């Protein structure tokens, strides 16, 4: 983080002495910080120039190499840190082009060993983790993959480097293979043919393409572990996933509220 943030912001964040999960910078506004248990504001205010400097550091001054990621609304930084981008955008007929950045959301992954132990105690069934954004589902998913890979061959699709960090800097488990940097729907079929996994795991299902791909995996005899944003689960997902895990941020982020089908 020291190499990503400017000295003033890094000093304020470091002085908190808390596990920071998210830093939100908005032009002209006080910077918002989220920890496992609370949200609050710092004195630090971002400017266009300060945010441009963060982007330059995150991309090693090679914006062209990150065009596809930026078009998808983020930059993948080191150790699983992801920087979300909002601003003035344009559709050029093929992809989104970000013309000016108004806000950055720096998400810092938390590796909590053992947080999925309760789920891993029983035999695995198709499982989906449901929660609102920022409630800890990726942290739970990461540990669940690690524990499952002690008993099963698991293939993790780490589309945006959030699960294990670019270059795999977090623990994956003894029988876990990882595909990184490619959209989920592009690698489902490839994964079946080349890796023969017992379980395919991925983060943040979204839209008809992901739903169709999951159905194909299940019909091929491969079990699926996934996450999805929301409070409730649509019937189409309920029919696929026998086990539903609902998360809450009360009393802290990542709290398992209830488990259905276990």
C-alpha atoms as a PDB file:
ATOM      1  CA  UNK A   1       0.000   0.000   0.000  1.00  0.00           C
ATOM      2  CA  UNK A   2       2.864   2.378   0.726  1.00  0.00           C
ATOM      3  CA  UNK A   3       3.928   2.264  -2.920  1.00  0.00           C
ATOM      4  CA  UNK A   4       0.359   2.855  -4.144  1.00  0.00           C
ATOM      5  CA  UNK A   5      -0.938   5.710  -1.978  1.00  0.00           C
ATOM      6  CA  UNK A   6       0.694   9.114  -1.585  1.00  0.00           C
ATOM      7  CA  UNK A   7       2.531   9.788   1.679  1.00  0.00           C
ATOM      8  CA  UNK A   8      -0.224  11.858   3.275  1.00  0.00           C
ATOM      9  CA  UNK A   9      -2.971   9.288   2.672  1.00  0.00           C
ATOM     10  CA  UNK A  10      -0.765   6.351   3.632  1.00  0.00           C
ATOM     11  CA  UNK A  11       0.144   8.106   6.889  1.00  0.00           C
ATOM     12  CA  UNK A  12      -3.533   8.648   7.790  1.00  0.00           C
ATOM     13  CA  UNK A  13      -4.502   5.071   6.936  1.00  0.00           C
ATOM     14  CA  UNK A  14      -1.535   3.617   8.839  1.00  0.00           C
ATOM     15  CA  UNK A  15      -2.348   5.662  11.941  1.00  0.00           C
ATOM     16  CA  UNK A  16      -5.719   3.890  12.250  1.00  0.00           C
ATOM     17  CA  UNK A  17      -4.082   0.647  13.409  1.00  0.00           C
ATOM     18  CA  UNK A  18      -7.104  -1.277  12.111  1.00  0.00           C
ATOM     19  CA  UNK A  19      -7.680  -3.828   9.367  1.00  0.00           C
ATOM     20  CA  UNK A  20      -8.741  -1.581   6.499  1.00  0.00           C
ATOM     21  CA  UNK A  21     -10.867  -3.329   3.855  1.00  0.00           C
ATOM     22  CA  UNK A  22     -11.682  -0.440   1.551  1.00  0.00           C
ATOM     23  CA  UNK A  23     -10.552   3.113   0.758  1.00  0.00           C
ATOM     24  CA  UNK A  24     -12.869   5.304  -1.340  1.00  0.00           C
ATOM     25  CA  UNK A  25     -11.537   8.482  -2.917  1.00  0.00           C
ATOM     26  CA  UNK A  26     -13.904  11.024  -4.507  1.00  0.00           C
ATOM     27  CA  UNK A  27     -12.724  14.303  -6.031  1.00  0.00           C
ATOM     28  CA  UNK A  28     -13.094  17.127  -3.509  1.00  0.00           C
ATOM     29  CA  UNK A  29     -14.532  14.893  -0.775  1.00  0.00           C
ATOM     30  CA  UNK A  30     -13.081  13.460   2.425  1.00  0.00           C
ATOM     31  CA  UNK A  31     -11.765   9.952   1.875  1.00  0.00           C
ATOM     32  CA  UNK A  32     -14.020   7.172   3.174  1.00  0.00           C
ATOM     33  CA  UNK A  33     -12.529   4.136   4.898  1.00  0.00           C
ATOM     34  CA  UNK A  34     -14.218   0.860   5.745  1.00  0.00           C
ATOM     35  CA  UNK A  35     -12.897  -1.689   8.255  1.00  0.00           C
ATOM     36  CA  UNK A  36     -14.429  -4.993   9.311  1.00  0.00           C
ATOM     37  CA  UNK A  37     -16.754  -3.253  11.724  1.00  0.00           C
ATOM     38  CA  UNK A  38     -17.258   0.384  10.712  1.00  0.00           C
ATOM     39  CA  UNK A  39     -17.127   3.152   8.104  1.00  0.00           C
ATOM     40  CA  UNK A  40     -15.723   6.630   8.675  1.00  0.00           C
ATOM     41  CA  UNK A  41     -14.005   9.549   6.932  1.00  0.00           C
ATOM     42  CA  UNK A  42     -10.422  10.792   6.945  1.00  0.00           C
ATOM     43  CA  UNK A  43      -9.259  14.388   6.642  1.00  0.00           C
ATOM     44  CA  UNK A  44      -7.538  13.559   3.362  1.00  0.00           C
ATOM     45  CA  UNK A  45      -9.255  14.939   0.242  1.00  0.00           C
ATOM     46  CA  UNK A  46      -8.498  13.638  -3.227  1.00  0.00           C
ATOM     47  CA  UNK A  47      -7.837  15.803  -6.261  1.00  0.00           C
ATOM     48  CA  UNK A  48      -7.716  14.810  -9.931  1.00  0.00           C
ATOM     49  CA  UNK A  49      -3.946  14.929  -9.810  1.00  0.00           C
ATOM     50  CA  UNK A  50      -3.714  12.758  -6.689  1.00  0.00           C
ATOM     51  CA  UNK A  51      -5.993  10.118  -8.198  1.00  0.00           C
ATOM     52  CA  UNK A  52      -4.041  10.227 -11.457  1.00  0.00           C
ATOM     53  CA  UNK A  53      -0.883   9.538  -9.468  1.00  0.00           C
ATOM     54  CA  UNK A  54      -2.488   6.476  -7.828  1.00  0.00           C
ATOM     55  CA  UNK A  55      -3.481   5.154 -11.253  1.00  0.00           C
ATOM     56  CA  UNK A  56       0.026   5.735 -12.611  1.00  0.00           C
ATOM     57  CA  UNK A  57       1.531   3.852  -9.675  1.00  0.00           C
ATOM     58  CA  UNK A  58      -0.975   1.006  -9.993  1.00  0.00           C
ATOM     59  CA  UNK A  59      -0.184   0.567 -13.692  1.00  0.00           C
ATOM     60  CA  UNK A  60       3.578   1.234 -13.475  1.00  0.00           C
ATOM     61  CA  UNK A  61       3.035   4.150 -15.872  1.00  0.00           C
ATOM     62  CA  UNK A  62       1.853   1.705 -18.545  1.00  0.00           C
ATOM     63  CA  UNK A  63      -1.849   2.527 -18.909  1.00  0.00           C
ATOM     64  CA  UNK A  64      -1.992   0.877 -22.332  1.00  0.00           C
ATOM     65  CA  UNK A  65      -1.240  -2.499 -20.739  1.00  0.00           C
ATOM     66  CA  UNK A  66      -4.311  -2.151 -18.489  1.00  0.00           C
ATOM     67  CA  UNK A  67      -6.803  -0.955 -21.116  1.00  0.00           C
ATOM     68  CA  UNK A  68      -8.950  -4.099 -20.932  1.00  0.00           C
ATOM     69  CA  UNK A  69      -9.120  -3.984 -17.132  1.00  0.00           C
ATOM     70  CA  UNK A  70      -9.898  -0.265 -17.082  1.00  0.00           C
ATOM     71  CA  UNK A  71     -12.617  -0.852 -19.672  1.00  0.00           C
ATOM     72  CA  UNK A  72     -14.125  -3.356 -17.217  1.00  0.00           C
ATOM     73  CA  UNK A  73     -14.033  -0.724 -14.462  1.00  0.00           C
ATOM     74  CA  UNK A  74     -11.024  -1.731 -12.395  1.00  0.00           C
ATOM     75  CA  UNK A  75      -7.249  -2.087 -12.110  1.00  0.00           C
ATOM     76  CA  UNK A  76      -5.768  -5.218 -10.567  1.00  0.00           C
ATOM     77  CA  UNK A  77      -2.898  -4.244  -8.287  1.00  0.00           C
ATOM     78  CA  UNK A  78      -0.476  -6.363  -6.242  1.00  0.00           C
ATOM     79  CA  UNK A  79      -1.463  -8.911  -3.594  1.00  0.00           C
ATOM     80  CA  UNK A  80      -5.112  -9.069  -4.644  1.00  0.00           C
ATOM     81  CA  UNK A  81      -5.784  -5.340  -4.242  1.00  0.00           C
ATOM     82  CA  UNK A  82      -8.373  -4.138  -6.770  1.00  0.00           C
ATOM     83  CA  UNK A  83      -9.002  -0.510  -7.644  1.00  0.00           C
ATOM     84  CA  UNK A  84     -12.514   0.213  -8.893  1.00  0.00           C
ATOM     85  CA  UNK A  85     -12.945   3.191 -11.218  1.00  0.00           C
ATOM     86  CA  UNK A  86     -15.873   5.577 -11.780  1.00  0.00           C
ATOM     87  CA  UNK A  87     -16.001   8.661 -13.964  1.00  0.00           C
ATOM     88  CA  UNK A  88     -16.782  10.061 -17.386  1.00  0.00           C
ATOM     89  CA  UNK A  89     -16.993   7.100 -19.784  1.00  0.00           C
ATOM     90  CA  UNK A  90     -17.732   6.535 -23.457  1.00  0.00           C
ATOM     91  CA  UNK A  91     -18.800   3.445 -25.396  1.00  0.00           C
ATOM     92  CA  UNK A  92     -16.762   3.193 -28.608  1.00  0.00           C
ATOM     93  CA  UNK A  93     -18.751   0.324 -30.083  1.00  0.00           C
ATOM     94  CA  UNK A  94     -16.478  -2.370 -28.650  1.00  0.00           C
ATOM     95  CA  UNK A  95     -15.669  -1.426 -25.082  1.00  0.00           C
ATOM     96  CA  UNK A  96     -15.965   1.280 -22.434  1.00  0.00           C
ATOM     97  CA  UNK A  97     -13.354   4.036 -22.595  1.00  0.00           C
ATOM     98  CA  UNK A  98     -12.756   5.972 -19.354  1.00  0.00           C
ATOM     99  CA  UNK A  99     -12.097   9.605 -20.275  1.00  0.00           C
ATOM    100  CA  UNK A 100     -11.845  11.101 -16.805  1.00  0.00           C
ATOM    101  CA  UNK A 101     -11.773   9.521 -13.348  1.00  0.00           C
ATOM    102  CA  UNK A 102     -14.038  10.954 -10.636  1.00  0.00           C
ATOM    103  CA  UNK A 103     -13.684   8.249  -7.969  1.00  0.00           C
ATOM    104  CA  UNK A 104     -11.518   5.295  -6.961  1.00  0.00           C
ATOM    105  CA  UNK A 105     -12.401   2.392  -4.679  1.00  0.00           C
ATOM    106  CA  UNK A 106      -9.320   0.597  -3.366  1.00  0.00           C
ATOM    107  CA  UNK A 107     -10.402  -2.821  -2.081  1.00  0.00           C
ATOM    108  CA  UNK A 108      -7.906  -4.626   0.153  1.00  0.00           C
ATOM    109  CA  UNK A 109      -8.431  -8.391   0.458  1.00  0.00           C
ATOM    110  CA  UNK A 110      -8.508 -10.059   3.850  1.00  0.00           C
ATOM    111  CA  UNK A 111      -7.091 -13.550   4.262  1.00  0.00           C
ATOM    112  CA  UNK A 112      -8.810 -15.113   7.293  1.00  0.00           C
ATOM    113  CA  UNK A 113      -7.652 -18.693   7.690  1.00  0.00           C
ATOM    114  CA  UNK A 114     -10.367 -20.976   9.051  1.00  0.00           C
ATOM    115  CA  UNK A 115     -13.360 -18.675   8.518  1.00  0.00           C
ATOM    116  CA  UNK A 116     -15.009 -21.335   6.302  1.00  0.00           C
ATOM    117  CA  UNK A 117     -14.318 -24.279   8.635  1.00  0.00           C
ATOM    118  CA  UNK A 118     -18.004 -24.671   9.516  1.00  0.00           C
ATOM    119  CA  UNK A 119     -18.916 -25.090   5.858  1.00  0.00           C
ATOM    120  CA  UNK A 120     -16.096 -27.507   5.086  1.00  0.00           C
ATOM    121  CA  UNK A 121     -17.069 -30.001   7.777  1.00  0.00           C
ATOM    122  CA  UNK A 122     -19.633 -31.798   5.579  1.00  0.00           C
ATOM    123  CA  UNK A 123     -19.405 -33.302   2.077  1.00  0.00           C
ATOM    124  CA  UNK A 124     -19.574 -30.684  -0.629  1.00  0.00           C
ATOM    125  CA  UNK A 125     -22.746 -29.912  -2.571  1.00  0.00           C
ATOM    126  CA  UNK A 126     -23.247 -27.176  -5.152  1.00  0.00           C
ATOM    127  CA  UNK A 127     -22.939 -24.063  -2.983  1.00  0.00           C
ATOM    128  CA  UNK A 128     -23.615 -20.371  -3.512  1.00  0.00           C
ATOM    129  CA  UNK A 129     -22.606 -17.621  -1.087  1.00  0.00           C
ATOM    130  CA  UNK A 130     -25.079 -14.721  -1.065  1.00  0.00           C
ATOM    131  CA  UNK A 131     -24.449 -11.257   0.357  1.00  0.00           C
ATOM    132  CA  UNK A 132     -24.605  -7.578  -0.341  1.00  0.00           C
ATOM    133  CA  UNK A 133     -21.424  -5.929  -1.678  1.00  0.00           C
ATOM    134  CA  UNK A 134     -18.651  -5.607   0.868  1.00  0.00           C
ATOM    135  CA  UNK A 135     -20.017  -8.191   3.298  1.00  0.00           C
ATOM    136  CA  UNK A 136     -17.062 -10.566   3.072  1.00  0.00           C
ATOM    137  CA  UNK A 137     -18.113 -13.206   0.556  1.00  0.00           C
ATOM    138  CA  UNK A 138     -14.789 -13.192  -1.315  1.00  0.00           C
ATOM    139  CA  UNK A 139     -12.882 -13.675   1.955  1.00  0.00           C
ATOM    140  CA  UNK A 140     -15.119 -16.618   2.859  1.00  0.00           C
ATOM    141  CA  UNK A 141     -14.860 -18.054  -0.661  1.00  0.00           C
ATOM    142  CA  UNK A 142     -11.061 -17.870  -0.592  1.00  0.00           C
ATOM    143  CA  UNK A 143     -10.813 -19.873   2.628  1.00  0.00           C
ATOM    144  CA  UNK A 144     -13.499 -22.351   1.531  1.00  0.00           C
ATOM    145  CA  UNK A 145     -11.528 -23.079  -1.652  1.00  0.00           C
ATOM    146  CA  UNK A 146      -8.391 -23.677   0.420  1.00  0.00           C
ATOM    147  CA  UNK A 147     -10.180 -26.122   2.717  1.00  0.00           C
ATOM    148  CA  UNK A 148     -11.999 -27.947  -0.097  1.00  0.00           C
ATOM    149  CA  UNK A 149      -8.728 -28.455  -1.960  1.00  0.00           C
ATOM    150  CA  UNK A 150      -7.567 -30.687   0.895  1.00  0.00           C
ATOM    151  CA  UNK A 151     -10.203 -33.221  -0.216  1.00  0.00           C
ATOM    152  CA  UNK A 152     -11.088 -32.393  -3.818  1.00  0.00           C
ATOM    153  CA  UNK A 153      -9.454 -31.202  -7.039  1.00  0.00           C
ATOM    154  CA  UNK A 154     -10.627 -27.575  -7.217  1.00  0.00           C
ATOM    155  CA  UNK A 155     -10.301 -25.188 -10.139  1.00  0.00           C
ATOM    156  CA  UNK A 156     -10.633 -21.536  -9.110  1.00  0.00           C
ATOM    157  CA  UNK A 157     -11.460 -18.940 -11.763  1.00  0.00           C
ATOM    158  CA  UNK A 158      -9.913 -15.727 -10.479  1.00  0.00           C
ATOM    159  CA  UNK A 159     -11.195 -13.317 -13.113  1.00  0.00           C
ATOM    160  CA  UNK A 160     -10.040 -10.063 -11.522  1.00  0.00           C
ATOM    161  CA  UNK A 161      -7.169 -11.317  -9.327  1.00  0.00           C
ATOM    162  CA  UNK A 162      -9.274 -10.745  -6.191  1.00  0.00           C
ATOM    163  CA  UNK A 163      -9.183 -14.292  -4.875  1.00  0.00           C
ATOM    164  CA  UNK A 164      -5.465 -14.983  -4.699  1.00  0.00           C
ATOM    165  CA  UNK A 165      -3.701 -11.883  -6.008  1.00  0.00           C
ATOM    166  CA  UNK A 166      -1.838 -11.480  -9.265  1.00  0.00           C
ATOM    167  CA  UNK A 167       0.787 -14.219  -9.430  1.00  0.00           C
ATOM    168  CA  UNK A 168      -1.041 -16.073  -6.605  1.00  0.00           C
ATOM    169  CA  UNK A 169       0.198 -14.420  -3.420  1.00  0.00           C
ATOM    170  CA  UNK A 170      -2.382 -15.983  -1.072  1.00  0.00           C
ATOM    171  CA  UNK A 171      -2.821 -19.553   0.072  1.00  0.00           C
ATOM    172  CA  UNK A 172      -4.762 -21.793  -2.316  1.00  0.00           C
ATOM    173  CA  UNK A 173      -4.486 -25.275  -0.781  1.00  0.00           C
ATOM    174  CA  UNK A 174      -2.751 -28.483  -1.964  1.00  0.00           C
ATOM    175  CA  UNK A 175      -5.125 -29.503  -4.797  1.00  0.00           C
ATOM    176  CA  UNK A 176      -6.213 -26.146  -6.176  1.00  0.00           C
ATOM    177  CA  UNK A 177      -5.517 -24.933  -9.710  1.00  0.00           C
ATOM    178  CA  UNK A 178      -6.098 -21.289 -10.631  1.00  0.00           C
ATOM    179  CA  UNK A 179      -6.964 -19.567 -13.906  1.00  0.00           C
ATOM    180  CA  UNK A 180      -6.539 -15.785 -13.677  1.00  0.00           C
ATOM    181  CA  UNK A 181      -7.325 -12.719 -15.715  1.00  0.00           C
ATOM    182  CA  UNK A 182      -9.952 -14.173 -18.066  1.00  0.00           C
ATOM    183  CA  UNK A 183     -13.776 -13.730 -17.980  1.00  0.00           C
ATOM    184  CA  UNK A 184     -15.508 -16.682 -16.352  1.00  0.00           C
ATOM    185  CA  UNK A 185     -17.688 -17.593 -19.309  1.00  0.00           C
ATOM    186  CA  UNK A 186     -14.596 -17.841 -21.536  1.00  0.00           C
ATOM    187  CA  UNK A 187     -12.889 -20.554 -19.490  1.00  0.00           C
ATOM    188  CA  UNK A 188     -15.693 -22.814 -18.247  1.00  0.00           C
ATOM    189  CA  UNK A 189     -15.610 -25.131 -21.256  1.00  0.00           C
ATOM    190  CA  UNK A 190     -11.828 -25.078 -21.427  1.00  0.00           C
ATOM    191  CA  UNK A 191     -11.587 -26.006 -17.747  1.00  0.00           C
ATOM    192  CA  UNK A 192     -13.747 -29.092 -18.187  1.00  0.00           C
ATOM    193  CA  UNK A 193     -11.678 -30.401 -21.063  1.00  0.00           C
ATOM    194  CA  UNK A 194      -8.195 -29.644 -19.789  1.00  0.00           C
ATOM    195  CA  UNK A 195      -8.171 -29.753 -15.986  1.00  0.00           C
ATOM    196  CA  UNK A 196     -10.857 -32.321 -15.052  1.00  0.00           C
ATOM    197  CA  UNK A 197     -11.809 -30.601 -11.788  1.00  0.00           C
ATOM    198  CA  UNK A 198     -14.224 -32.037  -9.251  1.00  0.00           C
ATOM    199  CA  UNK A 199     -15.238 -28.518  -8.183  1.00  0.00           C
ATOM    200  CA  UNK A 200     -15.115 -25.242 -10.091  1.00  0.00           C
ATOM    201  CA  UNK A 201     -15.111 -22.126  -7.895  1.00  0.00           C
ATOM    202  CA  UNK A 202     -15.644 -18.530  -8.971  1.00  0.00           C
ATOM    203  CA  UNK A 203     -16.584 -15.142  -7.561  1.00  0.00           C
ATOM    204  CA  UNK A 204     -19.589 -12.943  -8.411  1.00  0.00           C
ATOM    205  CA  UNK A 205     -21.957 -14.652 -10.828  1.00  0.00           C
ATOM    206  CA  UNK A 206     -23.715 -12.116 -13.005  1.00  0.00           C
ATOM    207  CA  UNK A 207     -26.130 -12.356 -15.909  1.00  0.00           C
ATOM    208  CA  UNK A 208     -27.388 -15.021 -18.278  1.00  0.00           C
ATOM    209  CA  UNK A 209     -23.951 -16.059 -19.573  1.00  0.00           C
ATOM    210  CA  UNK A 210     -22.692 -17.018 -16.125  1.00  0.00           C
ATOM    211  CA  UNK A 211     -25.944 -18.827 -15.312  1.00  0.00           C
ATOM    212  CA  UNK A 212     -25.767 -20.818 -18.566  1.00  0.00           C
ATOM    213  CA  UNK A 213     -22.144 -21.757 -17.947  1.00  0.00           C
ATOM    214  CA  UNK A 214     -22.907 -22.980 -14.413  1.00  0.00           C
ATOM    215  CA  UNK A 215     -25.730 -25.139 -15.739  1.00  0.00           C
ATOM    216  CA  UNK A 216     -23.342 -26.728 -18.237  1.00  0.00           C
ATOM    217  CA  UNK A 217     -20.817 -27.466 -15.515  1.00  0.00           C
ATOM    218  CA  UNK A 218     -23.421 -29.107 -13.293  1.00  0.00           C
ATOM    219  CA  UNK A 219     -24.830 -31.148 -16.175  1.00  0.00           C
ATOM    220  CA  UNK A 220     -21.267 -32.362 -16.861  1.00  0.00           C
ATOM    221  CA  UNK A 221     -21.022 -33.764 -13.340  1.00  0.00           C
ATOM    222  CA  UNK A 222     -18.813 -30.991 -11.964  1.00  0.00           C
ATOM    223  CA  UNK A 223     -19.838 -29.302  -8.740  1.00  0.00           C
ATOM    224  CA  UNK A 224     -19.808 -25.535  -8.409  1.00  0.00           C
ATOM    225  CA  UNK A 225     -18.932 -23.081  -5.650  1.00  0.00           C
ATOM    226  CA  UNK A 226     -19.802 -19.452  -6.386  1.00  0.00           C
ATOM    227  CA  UNK A 227     -20.823 -16.122  -4.908  1.00  0.00           C
ATOM    228  CA  UNK A 228     -23.493 -13.623  -5.910  1.00  0.00           C
ATOM    229  CA  UNK A 229     -24.537 -10.124  -4.854  1.00  0.00           C
ATOM    230  CA  UNK A 230     -27.921  -9.680  -3.212  1.00  0.00           C
ATOM    231  CA  UNK A 231     -30.150 -10.425  -0.244  1.00  0.00           C
ATOM    232  CA  UNK A 232     -32.365 -13.006  -1.899  1.00  0.00           C
ATOM    233  CA  UNK A 233     -31.705 -15.716  -4.458  1.00  0.00           C
ATOM    234  CA  UNK A 234     -33.656 -16.107  -7.690  1.00  0.00           C
ATOM    235  CA  UNK A 235     -35.433 -19.398  -8.265  1.00  0.00           C
ATOM    236  CA  UNK A 236     -33.158 -20.251 -11.201  1.00  0.00           C
ATOM    237  CA  UNK A 237     -30.170 -20.320  -8.840  1.00  0.00           C
ATOM    238  CA  UNK A 238     -32.059 -22.146  -6.105  1.00  0.00           C
ATOM    239  CA  UNK A 239     -32.638 -25.034  -8.499  1.00  0.00           C
ATOM    240  CA  UNK A 240     -28.908 -25.345  -9.232  1.00  0.00           C
ATOM    241  CA  UNK A 241     -27.385 -24.840  -5.788  1.00  0.00           C
ATOM    242  CA  UNK A 242     -28.439 -27.247  -3.050  1.00  0.00           C
ATOM    243  CA  UNK A 243     -26.629 -25.243  -0.395  1.00  0.00           C
ATOM    244  CA  UNK A 244     -27.166 -21.509   0.107  1.00  0.00           C
ATOM    245  CA  UNK A 245     -24.951 -19.496   2.474  1.00  0.00           C
ATOM    246  CA  UNK A 246     -26.247 -16.040   3.438  1.00  0.00           C
ATOM    247  CA  UNK A 247     -23.817 -13.513   4.901  1.00  0.00           C
ATOM    248  CA  UNK A 248     -24.327 -10.475   7.087  1.00  0.00           C
ATOM    249  CA  UNK A 249     -22.071  -7.616   8.192  1.00  0.00           C
ATOM    250  CA  UNK A 250     -23.529  -7.787  11.722  1.00  0.00           C
ATOM    251  CA  UNK A 251     -21.773  -7.984  14.149  1.00  0.00           C
ATOM    252  CA  UNK A 252     -18.879  -7.853  11.673  1.00  0.00           C
ATOM    253  CA  UNK A 253     -18.193  -8.336   7.979  1.00  0.00           C
ATOM    254  CA  UNK A 254     -18.262 -11.987   6.950  1.00  0.00           C
ATOM    255  CA  UNK A 255     -20.730 -13.203   9.586  1.00  0.00           C
ATOM    256  CA  UNK A 256     -22.652 -16.283   8.400  1.00  0.00           C
ATOM    257  CA  UNK A 257     -26.291 -15.374   8.980  1.00  0.00           C
ATOM    258  CA  UNK A 258     -27.777 -18.709   7.928  1.00  0.00           C
ATOM    259  CA  UNK A 259     -27.102 -21.776   5.792  1.00  0.00           C
ATOM    260  CA  UNK A 260     -29.834 -23.535   3.845  1.00  0.00           C
ATOM    261  CA  UNK A 261     -29.426 -27.147   2.673  1.00  0.00           C
ATOM    262  CA  UNK A 262     -26.784 -28.251   5.155  1.00  0.00           C
END
